[in-house]
Amino acid sequence: MRPKEATRALEALRGAKNQEQKAEDIARASGLPLLPVDNADVAKYVQRLRQGKRLPPVLLIRGRLSDDVPLRIADGYHRLSASYCVDEEAQIVCRIVDVPAYE
């Protein structure tokens, strides 16, 4: 992503509203392999989830199927992996924005 695109994406994510999506749907759309529960950061988030604590939103940039561009996880890959480990159908809080246009 070019610097101007990244700046626009960051601005859009700051202004986006929180919503909930299933962990399995986000994982599938991103095409990324999930991190294992023995990853230190994933394990930390799994513990927080099992204590009933909420995690910060996962920040997502919508892909474009027509161009074969997958969903991008801008922030929260470890949190997504932890949520999936606990319950793959868990509704997780996220913010989703479109890919910013580059001029």
PDB file of N, CA and C in Angstrom:
ATOM      1  N   MET A   1       0.850  -1.167   0.000  1.00  0.00           N
ATOM      2  CA  MET A   1       0.000   0.000   0.000  1.00  0.00           C
ATOM      3  C   MET A   1       0.899   1.234   0.000  1.00  0.00           C
ATOM      4  N   ARG A   2       0.578   2.172  -0.841  1.00  0.00           N
ATOM      5  CA  ARG A   2       1.349   3.416  -0.916  1.00  0.00           C
ATOM      6  C   ARG A   2       1.079   4.264   0.327  1.00  0.00           C
ATOM      7  N   PRO A   3       2.027   5.139   0.680  1.00  0.00           N
ATOM      8  CA  PRO A   3       1.846   5.958   1.885  1.00  0.00           C
ATOM      9  C   PRO A   3       0.537   6.748   1.912  1.00  0.00           C
ATOM     10  N   LYS A   4       0.142   7.355   0.783  1.00  0.00           N
ATOM     11  CA  LYS A   4      -1.112   8.122   0.767  1.00  0.00           C
ATOM     12  C   LYS A   4      -2.312   7.203   0.988  1.00  0.00           C
ATOM     13  N   GLU A   5      -2.261   5.999   0.434  1.00  0.00           N
ATOM     14  CA  GLU A   5      -3.342   5.032   0.646  1.00  0.00           C
ATOM     15  C   GLU A   5      -3.401   4.623   2.110  1.00  0.00           C
ATOM     16  N   ALA A   6      -2.251   4.385   2.705  1.00  0.00           N
ATOM     17  CA  ALA A   6      -2.203   3.985   4.116  1.00  0.00           C
ATOM     18  C   ALA A   6      -2.757   5.091   5.013  1.00  0.00           C
ATOM     19  N   THR A   7      -2.424   6.336   4.700  1.00  0.00           N
ATOM     20  CA  THR A   7      -2.939   7.472   5.475  1.00  0.00           C
ATOM     21  C   THR A   7      -4.452   7.546   5.366  1.00  0.00           C
ATOM     22  N   ARG A   8      -4.968   7.367   4.157  1.00  0.00           N
ATOM     23  CA  ARG A   8      -6.424   7.402   3.966  1.00  0.00           C
ATOM     24  C   ARG A   8      -7.106   6.237   4.679  1.00  0.00           C
ATOM     25  N   ALA A   9      -6.479   5.074   4.621  1.00  0.00           N
ATOM     26  CA  ALA A   9      -7.055   3.911   5.311  1.00  0.00           C
ATOM     27  C   ALA A   9      -7.102   4.155   6.810  1.00  0.00           C
ATOM     28  N   LEU A  10      -6.038   4.696   7.361  1.00  0.00           N
ATOM     29  CA  LEU A  10      -5.988   4.990   8.794  1.00  0.00           C
ATOM     30  C   LEU A  10      -7.066   5.999   9.187  1.00  0.00           C
ATOM     31  N   GLU A  11      -7.221   7.046   8.393  1.00  0.00           N
ATOM     32  CA  GLU A  11      -8.262   8.040   8.673  1.00  0.00           C
ATOM     33  C   GLU A  11      -9.652   7.410   8.608  1.00  0.00           C
ATOM     34  N   ALA A  12      -9.858   6.563   7.598  1.00  0.00           N
ATOM     35  CA  ALA A  12     -11.161   5.898   7.459  1.00  0.00           C
ATOM     36  C   ALA A  12     -11.424   4.959   8.635  1.00  0.00           C
ATOM     37  N   LEU A  13     -10.400   4.227   9.079  1.00  0.00           N
ATOM     38  CA  LEU A  13     -10.573   3.307  10.201  1.00  0.00           C
ATOM     39  C   LEU A  13     -10.876   4.054  11.492  1.00  0.00           C
ATOM     40  N   ARG A  14     -10.261   5.202  11.667  1.00  0.00           N
ATOM     41  CA  ARG A  14     -10.536   6.000  12.869  1.00  0.00           C
ATOM     42  C   ARG A  14     -11.989   6.443  12.919  1.00  0.00           C
ATOM     43  N   GLY A  15     -12.563   6.733  11.740  1.00  0.00           N
ATOM     44  CA  GLY A  15     -13.941   7.203  11.687  1.00  0.00           C
ATOM     45  C   GLY A  15     -14.984   6.107  11.545  1.00  0.00           C
ATOM     46  N   ALA A  16     -14.536   4.872  11.335  1.00  0.00           N
ATOM     47  CA  ALA A  16     -15.477   3.765  11.123  1.00  0.00           C
ATOM     48  C   ALA A  16     -16.140   3.357  12.433  1.00  0.00           C
ATOM     49  N   LYS A  17     -17.362   2.891  12.301  1.00  0.00           N
ATOM     50  CA  LYS A  17     -18.098   2.403  13.473  1.00  0.00           C
ATOM     51  C   LYS A  17     -17.770   0.938  13.722  1.00  0.00           C
ATOM     52  N   ASN A  18     -17.803   0.570  14.994  1.00  0.00           N
ATOM     53  CA  ASN A  18     -17.601  -0.830  15.349  1.00  0.00           C
ATOM     54  C   ASN A  18     -18.782  -1.658  14.854  1.00  0.00           C
ATOM     55  N   GLN A  19     -18.487  -2.860  14.405  1.00  0.00           N
ATOM     56  CA  GLN A  19     -19.515  -3.817  14.041  1.00  0.00           C
ATOM     57  C   GLN A  19     -19.015  -5.206  14.425  1.00  0.00           C
ATOM     58  N   GLU A  20     -19.870  -6.185  14.314  1.00  0.00           N
ATOM     59  CA  GLU A  20     -19.474  -7.549  14.668  1.00  0.00           C
ATOM     60  C   GLU A  20     -19.552  -8.446  13.443  1.00  0.00           C
ATOM     61  N   GLN A  21     -18.545  -9.300  13.319  1.00  0.00           N
ATOM     62  CA  GLN A  21     -18.485 -10.303  12.262  1.00  0.00           C
ATOM     63  C   GLN A  21     -17.964 -11.599  12.879  1.00  0.00           C
ATOM     64  N   LYS A  22     -18.311 -12.724  12.267  1.00  0.00           N
ATOM     65  CA  LYS A  22     -17.814 -14.005  12.767  1.00  0.00           C
ATOM     66  C   LYS A  22     -16.318 -14.137  12.497  1.00  0.00           C
ATOM     67  N   ALA A  23     -15.618 -14.681  13.484  1.00  0.00           N
ATOM     68  CA  ALA A  23     -14.174 -14.892  13.355  1.00  0.00           C
ATOM     69  C   ALA A  23     -13.865 -15.747  12.130  1.00  0.00           C
ATOM     70  N   GLU A  24     -14.649 -16.800  11.905  1.00  0.00           N
ATOM     71  CA  GLU A  24     -14.384 -17.692  10.777  1.00  0.00           C
ATOM     72  C   GLU A  24     -14.566 -16.983   9.442  1.00  0.00           C
ATOM     73  N   ASP A  25     -15.505 -16.044   9.361  1.00  0.00           N
ATOM     74  CA  ASP A  25     -15.729 -15.317   8.114  1.00  0.00           C
ATOM     75  C   ASP A  25     -14.568 -14.371   7.815  1.00  0.00           C
ATOM     76  N   ILE A  26     -14.073 -13.711   8.843  1.00  0.00           N
ATOM     77  CA  ILE A  26     -12.925 -12.820   8.663  1.00  0.00           C
ATOM     78  C   ILE A  26     -11.699 -13.626   8.258  1.00  0.00           C
ATOM     79  N   ALA A  27     -11.480 -14.734   8.932  1.00  0.00           N
ATOM     80  CA  ALA A  27     -10.331 -15.574   8.611  1.00  0.00           C
ATOM     81  C   ALA A  27     -10.401 -16.068   7.163  1.00  0.00           C
ATOM     82  N   ARG A  28     -11.566 -16.506   6.754  1.00  0.00           N
ATOM     83  CA  ARG A  28     -11.741 -17.013   5.384  1.00  0.00           C
ATOM     84  C   ARG A  28     -11.504 -15.908   4.356  1.00  0.00           C
ATOM     85  N   ALA A  29     -12.073 -14.727   4.607  1.00  0.00           N
ATOM     86  CA  ALA A  29     -11.954 -13.623   3.654  1.00  0.00           C
ATOM     87  C   ALA A  29     -10.523 -13.107   3.539  1.00  0.00           C
ATOM     88  N   SER A  30      -9.757 -13.213   4.613  1.00  0.00           N
ATOM     89  CA  SER A  30      -8.373 -12.722   4.573  1.00  0.00           C
ATOM     90  C   SER A  30      -7.452 -13.702   3.847  1.00  0.00           C
ATOM     91  N   GLY A  31      -7.797 -14.981   3.888  1.00  0.00           N
ATOM     92  CA  GLY A  31      -6.955 -15.988   3.257  1.00  0.00           C
ATOM     93  C   GLY A  31      -5.674 -16.289   4.022  1.00  0.00           C
ATOM     94  N   LEU A  32      -5.542 -15.726   5.215  1.00  0.00           N
ATOM     95  CA  LEU A  32      -4.330 -15.944   6.014  1.00  0.00           C
ATOM     96  C   LEU A  32      -4.480 -17.171   6.904  1.00  0.00           C
ATOM     97  N   PRO A  33      -3.394 -17.900   7.126  1.00  0.00           N
ATOM     98  CA  PRO A  33      -3.461 -18.982   8.101  1.00  0.00           C
ATOM     99  C   PRO A  33      -3.512 -18.380   9.499  1.00  0.00           C
ATOM    100  N   LEU A  34      -4.330 -18.942  10.350  1.00  0.00           N
ATOM    101  CA  LEU A  34      -4.423 -18.418  11.716  1.00  0.00           C
ATOM    102  C   LEU A  34      -3.221 -18.857  12.534  1.00  0.00           C
ATOM    103  N   LEU A  35      -2.853 -18.020  13.473  1.00  0.00           N
ATOM    104  CA  LEU A  35      -1.728 -18.330  14.350  1.00  0.00           C
ATOM    105  C   LEU A  35      -2.158 -19.363  15.389  1.00  0.00           C
ATOM    106  N   PRO A  36      -1.240 -20.238  15.809  1.00  0.00           N
ATOM    107  CA  PRO A  36      -1.587 -21.274  16.788  1.00  0.00           C
ATOM    108  C   PRO A  36      -1.709 -20.699  18.199  1.00  0.00           C
ATOM    109  N   VAL A  37      -2.417 -21.434  19.037  1.00  0.00           N
ATOM    110  CA  VAL A  37      -2.654 -20.993  20.409  1.00  0.00           C
ATOM    111  C   VAL A  37      -1.356 -20.952  21.218  1.00  0.00           C
ATOM    112  N   ASP A  38      -0.305 -21.627  20.772  1.00  0.00           N
ATOM    113  CA  ASP A  38       0.959 -21.581  21.512  1.00  0.00           C
ATOM    114  C   ASP A  38       1.793 -20.331  21.164  1.00  0.00           C
ATOM    115  N   ASN A  39       1.313 -19.500  20.255  1.00  0.00           N
ATOM    116  CA  ASN A  39       1.944 -18.212  19.999  1.00  0.00           C
ATOM    117  C   ASN A  39       1.723 -17.362  21.256  1.00  0.00           C
ATOM    118  N   ALA A  40       2.757 -16.694  21.732  1.00  0.00           N
ATOM    119  CA  ALA A  40       2.679 -15.963  23.002  1.00  0.00           C
ATOM    120  C   ALA A  40       1.569 -14.912  23.015  1.00  0.00           C
ATOM    121  N   ASP A  41       1.449 -14.140  21.945  1.00  0.00           N
ATOM    122  CA  ASP A  41       0.414 -13.099  21.920  1.00  0.00           C
ATOM    123  C   ASP A  41      -0.975 -13.701  21.801  1.00  0.00           C
ATOM    124  N   VAL A  42      -1.123 -14.754  21.015  1.00  0.00           N
ATOM    125  CA  VAL A  42      -2.421 -15.419  20.892  1.00  0.00           C
ATOM    126  C   VAL A  42      -2.826 -15.989  22.249  1.00  0.00           C
ATOM    127  N   ALA A  43      -1.900 -16.640  22.930  1.00  0.00           N
ATOM    128  CA  ALA A  43      -2.182 -17.222  24.244  1.00  0.00           C
ATOM    129  C   ALA A  43      -2.620 -16.148  25.241  1.00  0.00           C
ATOM    130  N   LYS A  44      -1.984 -14.984  25.181  1.00  0.00           N
ATOM    131  CA  LYS A  44      -2.350 -13.869  26.063  1.00  0.00           C
ATOM    132  C   LYS A  44      -3.800 -13.440  25.808  1.00  0.00           C
ATOM    133  N   TYR A  45      -4.176 -13.342  24.533  1.00  0.00           N
ATOM    134  CA  TYR A  45      -5.544 -12.936  24.204  1.00  0.00           C
ATOM    135  C   TYR A  45      -6.559 -14.031  24.516  1.00  0.00           C
ATOM    136  N   VAL A  46      -6.180 -15.280  24.334  1.00  0.00           N
ATOM    137  CA  VAL A  46      -7.079 -16.387  24.701  1.00  0.00           C
ATOM    138  C   VAL A  46      -7.380 -16.316  26.196  1.00  0.00           C
ATOM    139  N   GLN A  47      -6.363 -16.076  26.995  1.00  0.00           N
ATOM    140  CA  GLN A  47      -6.551 -15.975  28.444  1.00  0.00           C
ATOM    141  C   GLN A  47      -7.504 -14.823  28.778  1.00  0.00           C
ATOM    142  N   ARG A  48      -7.325 -13.694  28.129  1.00  0.00           N
ATOM    143  CA  ARG A  48      -8.210 -12.546  28.381  1.00  0.00           C
ATOM    144  C   ARG A  48      -9.653 -12.883  28.013  1.00  0.00           C
ATOM    145  N   LEU A  49      -9.850 -13.577  26.883  1.00  0.00           N
ATOM    146  CA  LEU A  49     -11.197 -13.961  26.468  1.00  0.00           C
ATOM    147  C   LEU A  49     -11.833 -14.909  27.477  1.00  0.00           C
ATOM    148  N   ARG A  50     -11.063 -15.861  27.952  1.00  0.00           N
ATOM    149  CA  ARG A  50     -11.595 -16.831  28.914  1.00  0.00           C
ATOM    150  C   ARG A  50     -11.907 -16.183  30.260  1.00  0.00           C
ATOM    151  N   GLN A  51     -11.308 -15.033  30.533  1.00  0.00           N
ATOM    152  CA  GLN A  51     -11.615 -14.268  31.743  1.00  0.00           C
ATOM    153  C   GLN A  51     -12.825 -13.357  31.523  1.00  0.00           C
ATOM    154  N   GLY A  52     -13.376 -13.401  30.308  1.00  0.00           N
ATOM    155  CA  GLY A  52     -14.547 -12.588  30.005  1.00  0.00           C
ATOM    156  C   GLY A  52     -14.236 -11.161  29.618  1.00  0.00           C
ATOM    157  N   LYS A  53     -12.983 -10.875  29.342  1.00  0.00           N
ATOM    158  CA  LYS A  53     -12.595  -9.515  28.961  1.00  0.00           C
ATOM    159  C   LYS A  53     -12.789  -9.315  27.460  1.00  0.00           C
ATOM    160  N   ARG A  54     -13.156  -8.091  27.101  1.00  0.00           N
ATOM    161  CA  ARG A  54     -13.336  -7.750  25.698  1.00  0.00           C
ATOM    162  C   ARG A  54     -11.992  -7.356  25.088  1.00  0.00           C
ATOM    163  N   LEU A  55     -11.848  -7.622  23.809  1.00  0.00           N
ATOM    164  CA  LEU A  55     -10.630  -7.255  23.091  1.00  0.00           C
ATOM    165  C   LEU A  55     -10.893  -6.026  22.232  1.00  0.00           C
ATOM    166  N   PRO A  56      -9.843  -5.258  21.934  1.00  0.00           N
ATOM    167  CA  PRO A  56     -10.021  -4.115  21.035  1.00  0.00           C
ATOM    168  C   PRO A  56     -10.491  -4.593  19.655  1.00  0.00           C
ATOM    169  N   PRO A  57     -11.114  -3.710  18.889  1.00  0.00           N
ATOM    170  CA  PRO A  57     -11.603  -4.115  17.567  1.00  0.00           C
ATOM    171  C   PRO A  57     -10.465  -4.525  16.625  1.00  0.00           C
ATOM    172  N   VAL A  58     -10.777  -5.456  15.759  1.00  0.00           N
ATOM    173  CA  VAL A  58      -9.868  -5.845  14.690  1.00  0.00           C
ATOM    174  C   VAL A  58     -10.111  -4.855  13.554  1.00  0.00           C
ATOM    175  N   LEU A  59      -9.040  -4.303  13.001  1.00  0.00           N
ATOM    176  CA  LEU A  59      -9.155  -3.294  11.952  1.00  0.00           C
ATOM    177  C   LEU A  59      -8.949  -3.941  10.589  1.00  0.00           C
ATOM    178  N   LEU A  60      -9.937  -3.769   9.710  1.00  0.00           N
ATOM    179  CA  LEU A  60      -9.956  -4.476   8.432  1.00  0.00           C
ATOM    180  C   LEU A  60     -10.107  -3.522   7.258  1.00  0.00           C
ATOM    181  N   ILE A  61      -9.438  -3.860   6.165  1.00  0.00           N
ATOM    182  CA  ILE A  61      -9.600  -3.135   4.916  1.00  0.00           C
ATOM    183  C   ILE A  61     -10.217  -4.107   3.924  1.00  0.00           C
ATOM    184  N   ARG A  62     -11.405  -3.752   3.451  1.00  0.00           N
ATOM    185  CA  ARG A  62     -12.172  -4.618   2.550  1.00  0.00           C
ATOM    186  C   ARG A  62     -11.388  -4.888   1.267  1.00  0.00           C
ATOM    187  N   GLY A  63     -11.409  -6.130   0.830  1.00  0.00           N
ATOM    188  CA  GLY A  63     -10.759  -6.504  -0.412  1.00  0.00           C
ATOM    189  C   GLY A  63     -11.655  -6.245  -1.607  1.00  0.00           C
ATOM    190  N   ARG A  64     -11.180  -6.649  -2.761  1.00  0.00           N
ATOM    191  CA  ARG A  64     -11.949  -6.536  -3.995  1.00  0.00           C
ATOM    192  C   ARG A  64     -11.923  -7.883  -4.691  1.00  0.00           C
ATOM    193  N   LEU A  65     -13.040  -8.582  -4.678  1.00  0.00           N
ATOM    194  CA  LEU A  65     -13.113  -9.886  -5.325  1.00  0.00           C
ATOM    195  C   LEU A  65     -12.814  -9.791  -6.813  1.00  0.00           C
ATOM    196  N   SER A  66     -13.281  -8.724  -7.453  1.00  0.00           N
ATOM    197  CA  SER A  66     -13.086  -8.569  -8.895  1.00  0.00           C
ATOM    198  C   SER A  66     -11.615  -8.486  -9.274  1.00  0.00           C
ATOM    199  N   ASP A  67     -10.777  -8.016  -8.351  1.00  0.00           N
ATOM    200  CA  ASP A  67      -9.339  -7.900  -8.606  1.00  0.00           C
ATOM    201  C   ASP A  67      -8.533  -8.951  -7.850  1.00  0.00           C
ATOM    202  N   ASP A  68      -9.226  -9.908  -7.232  1.00  0.00           N
ATOM    203  CA  ASP A  68      -8.590 -10.969  -6.455  1.00  0.00           C
ATOM    204  C   ASP A  68      -7.749 -10.406  -5.301  1.00  0.00           C
ATOM    205  N   VAL A  69      -8.266  -9.355  -4.657  1.00  0.00           N
ATOM    206  CA  VAL A  69      -7.598  -8.747  -3.501  1.00  0.00           C
ATOM    207  C   VAL A  69      -8.349  -9.187  -2.253  1.00  0.00           C
ATOM    208  N   PRO A  70      -7.679  -9.927  -1.351  1.00  0.00           N
ATOM    209  CA  PRO A  70      -8.362 -10.402  -0.140  1.00  0.00           C
ATOM    210  C   PRO A  70      -8.552  -9.291   0.897  1.00  0.00           C
ATOM    211  N   LEU A  71      -9.374  -9.577   1.864  1.00  0.00           N
ATOM    212  CA  LEU A  71      -9.542  -8.703   3.012  1.00  0.00           C
ATOM    213  C   LEU A  71      -8.185  -8.562   3.698  1.00  0.00           C
ATOM    214  N   ARG A  72      -7.838  -7.339   4.083  1.00  0.00           N
ATOM    215  CA  ARG A  72      -6.560  -7.109   4.767  1.00  0.00           C
ATOM    216  C   ARG A  72      -6.820  -6.856   6.251  1.00  0.00           C
ATOM    217  N   ILE A  73      -6.023  -7.479   7.073  1.00  0.00           N
ATOM    218  CA  ILE A  73      -6.103  -7.230   8.511  1.00  0.00           C
ATOM    219  C   ILE A  73      -5.050  -6.176   8.827  1.00  0.00           C
ATOM    220  N   ALA A  74      -5.510  -4.948   9.057  1.00  0.00           N
ATOM    221  CA  ALA A  74      -4.588  -3.852   9.331  1.00  0.00           C
ATOM    222  C   ALA A  74      -4.039  -3.942  10.751  1.00  0.00           C
ATOM    223  N   ASP A  75      -4.864  -4.432  11.663  1.00  0.00           N
ATOM    224  CA  ASP A  75      -4.440  -4.607  13.050  1.00  0.00           C
ATOM    225  C   ASP A  75      -5.375  -5.616  13.704  1.00  0.00           C
ATOM    226  N   GLY A  76      -4.805  -6.549  14.434  1.00  0.00           N
ATOM    227  CA  GLY A  76      -5.628  -7.483  15.184  1.00  0.00           C
ATOM    228  C   GLY A  76      -5.514  -8.934  14.751  1.00  0.00           C
ATOM    229  N   TYR A  77      -4.471  -9.266  14.008  1.00  0.00           N
ATOM    230  CA  TYR A  77      -4.278 -10.650  13.542  1.00  0.00           C
ATOM    231  C   TYR A  77      -4.192 -11.619  14.726  1.00  0.00           C
ATOM    232  N   HIS A  78      -3.482 -11.241  15.773  1.00  0.00           N
ATOM    233  CA  HIS A  78      -3.365 -12.098  16.957  1.00  0.00           C
ATOM    234  C   HIS A  78      -4.707 -12.216  17.675  1.00  0.00           C
ATOM    235  N   ARG A  79      -5.448 -11.110  17.740  1.00  0.00           N
ATOM    236  CA  ARG A  79      -6.767 -11.134  18.391  1.00  0.00           C
ATOM    237  C   ARG A  79      -7.748 -11.995  17.607  1.00  0.00           C
ATOM    238  N   LEU A  80      -7.698 -11.908  16.278  1.00  0.00           N
ATOM    239  CA  LEU A  80      -8.552 -12.756  15.448  1.00  0.00           C
ATOM    240  C   LEU A  80      -8.212 -14.222  15.676  1.00  0.00           C
ATOM    241  N   SER A  81      -6.938 -14.552  15.676  1.00  0.00           N
ATOM    242  CA  SER A  81      -6.508 -15.937  15.887  1.00  0.00           C
ATOM    243  C   SER A  81      -6.957 -16.453  17.253  1.00  0.00           C
ATOM    244  N   ALA A  82      -6.846 -15.618  18.277  1.00  0.00           N
ATOM    245  CA  ALA A  82      -7.265 -16.019  19.625  1.00  0.00           C
ATOM    246  C   ALA A  82      -8.766 -16.246  19.677  1.00  0.00           C
ATOM    247  N   SER A  83      -9.520 -15.334  19.096  1.00  0.00           N
ATOM    248  CA  SER A  83     -10.983 -15.478  19.085  1.00  0.00           C
ATOM    249  C   SER A  83     -11.394 -16.756  18.377  1.00  0.00           C
ATOM    250  N   TYR A  84     -10.752 -17.048  17.272  1.00  0.00           N
ATOM    251  CA  TYR A  84     -11.043 -18.260  16.508  1.00  0.00           C
ATOM    252  C   TYR A  84     -10.708 -19.505  17.331  1.00  0.00           C
ATOM    253  N   CYS A  85      -9.582 -19.463  18.069  1.00  0.00           N
ATOM    254  CA  CYS A  85      -9.193 -20.605  18.910  1.00  0.00           C
ATOM    255  C   CYS A  85     -10.242 -20.898  19.979  1.00  0.00           C
ATOM    256  N   VAL A  86     -10.820 -19.839  20.531  1.00  0.00           N
ATOM    257  CA  VAL A  86     -11.817 -19.995  21.591  1.00  0.00           C
ATOM    258  C   VAL A  86     -13.148 -20.451  21.005  1.00  0.00           C
ATOM    259  N   ASP A  87     -13.566 -19.815  19.903  1.00  0.00           N
ATOM    260  CA  ASP A  87     -14.844 -20.154  19.267  1.00  0.00           C
ATOM    261  C   ASP A  87     -14.827 -19.614  17.848  1.00  0.00           C
ATOM    262  N   GLU A  88     -14.712 -20.507  16.870  1.00  0.00           N
ATOM    263  CA  GLU A  88     -14.591 -20.060  15.479  1.00  0.00           C
ATOM    264  C   GLU A  88     -15.814 -19.296  14.986  1.00  0.00           C
ATOM    265  N   GLU A  89     -16.943 -19.480  15.654  1.00  0.00           N
ATOM    266  CA  GLU A  89     -18.151 -18.753  15.266  1.00  0.00           C
ATOM    267  C   GLU A  89     -18.388 -17.512  16.124  1.00  0.00           C
ATOM    268  N   ALA A  90     -17.407 -17.177  16.936  1.00  0.00           N
ATOM    269  CA  ALA A  90     -17.534 -16.006  17.817  1.00  0.00           C
ATOM    270  C   ALA A  90     -17.738 -14.746  16.990  1.00  0.00           C
ATOM    271  N   GLN A  91     -18.606 -13.891  17.465  1.00  0.00           N
ATOM    272  CA  GLN A  91     -18.790 -12.577  16.869  1.00  0.00           C
ATOM    273  C   GLN A  91     -17.722 -11.667  17.468  1.00  0.00           C
ATOM    274  N   ILE A  92     -16.864 -11.140  16.629  1.00  0.00           N
ATOM    275  CA  ILE A  92     -15.819 -10.267  17.149  1.00  0.00           C
ATOM    276  C   ILE A  92     -16.054  -8.842  16.674  1.00  0.00           C
ATOM    277  N   VAL A  93     -15.643  -7.912  17.487  1.00  0.00           N
ATOM    278  CA  VAL A  93     -15.796  -6.501  17.161  1.00  0.00           C
ATOM    279  C   VAL A  93     -14.707  -6.127  16.164  1.00  0.00           C
ATOM    280  N   CYS A  94     -15.129  -5.427  15.109  1.00  0.00           N
ATOM    281  CA  CYS A  94     -14.178  -5.006  14.090  1.00  0.00           C
ATOM    282  C   CYS A  94     -14.627  -3.683  13.477  1.00  0.00           C
ATOM    283  N   ARG A  95     -13.725  -3.100  12.746  1.00  0.00           N
ATOM    284  CA  ARG A  95     -14.019  -1.917  11.934  1.00  0.00           C
ATOM    285  C   ARG A  95     -13.577  -2.269  10.528  1.00  0.00           C
ATOM    286  N   ILE A  96     -14.457  -2.025   9.559  1.00  0.00           N
ATOM    287  CA  ILE A  96     -14.169  -2.379   8.176  1.00  0.00           C
ATOM    288  C   ILE A  96     -14.308  -1.140   7.305  1.00  0.00           C
ATOM    289  N   VAL A  97     -13.299  -0.908   6.464  1.00  0.00           N
ATOM    290  CA  VAL A  97     -13.373   0.209   5.519  1.00  0.00           C
ATOM    291  C   VAL A  97     -13.011  -0.314   4.128  1.00  0.00           C
ATOM    292  N   ASP A  98     -13.443   0.442   3.119  1.00  0.00           N
ATOM    293  CA  ASP A  98     -13.093   0.105   1.741  1.00  0.00           C
ATOM    294  C   ASP A  98     -11.650   0.462   1.476  1.00  0.00           C
ATOM    295  N   VAL A  99     -11.096  -0.172   0.444  1.00  0.00           N
ATOM    296  CA  VAL A  99      -9.732   0.164   0.027  1.00  0.00           C
ATOM    297  C   VAL A  99      -9.762   1.610  -0.462  1.00  0.00           C
ATOM    298  N   PRO A 100      -8.913   2.458   0.107  1.00  0.00           N
ATOM    299  CA  PRO A 100      -8.949   3.857  -0.313  1.00  0.00           C
ATOM    300  C   PRO A 100      -8.442   4.009  -1.744  1.00  0.00           C
ATOM    301  N   ALA A 101      -9.064   4.923  -2.477  1.00  0.00           N
ATOM    302  CA  ALA A 101      -8.637   5.190  -3.852  1.00  0.00           C
ATOM    303  C   ALA A 101      -7.338   6.000  -3.827  1.00  0.00           C
ATOM    304  N   TYR A 102      -6.489   5.707  -4.762  1.00  0.00           N
ATOM    305  CA  TYR A 102      -5.218   6.439  -4.862  1.00  0.00           C
ATOM    306  C   TYR A 102      -5.306   7.435  -6.006  1.00  0.00           C
ATOM    307  N   GLU A 103      -4.866   8.643  -5.738  1.00  0.00           N
ATOM    308  CA  GLU A 103      -4.878   9.685  -6.785  1.00  0.00           C
ATOM    309  C   GLU A 103      -3.472   9.956  -7.256  1.00  0.00           C
TER     310      GLU A 103
END
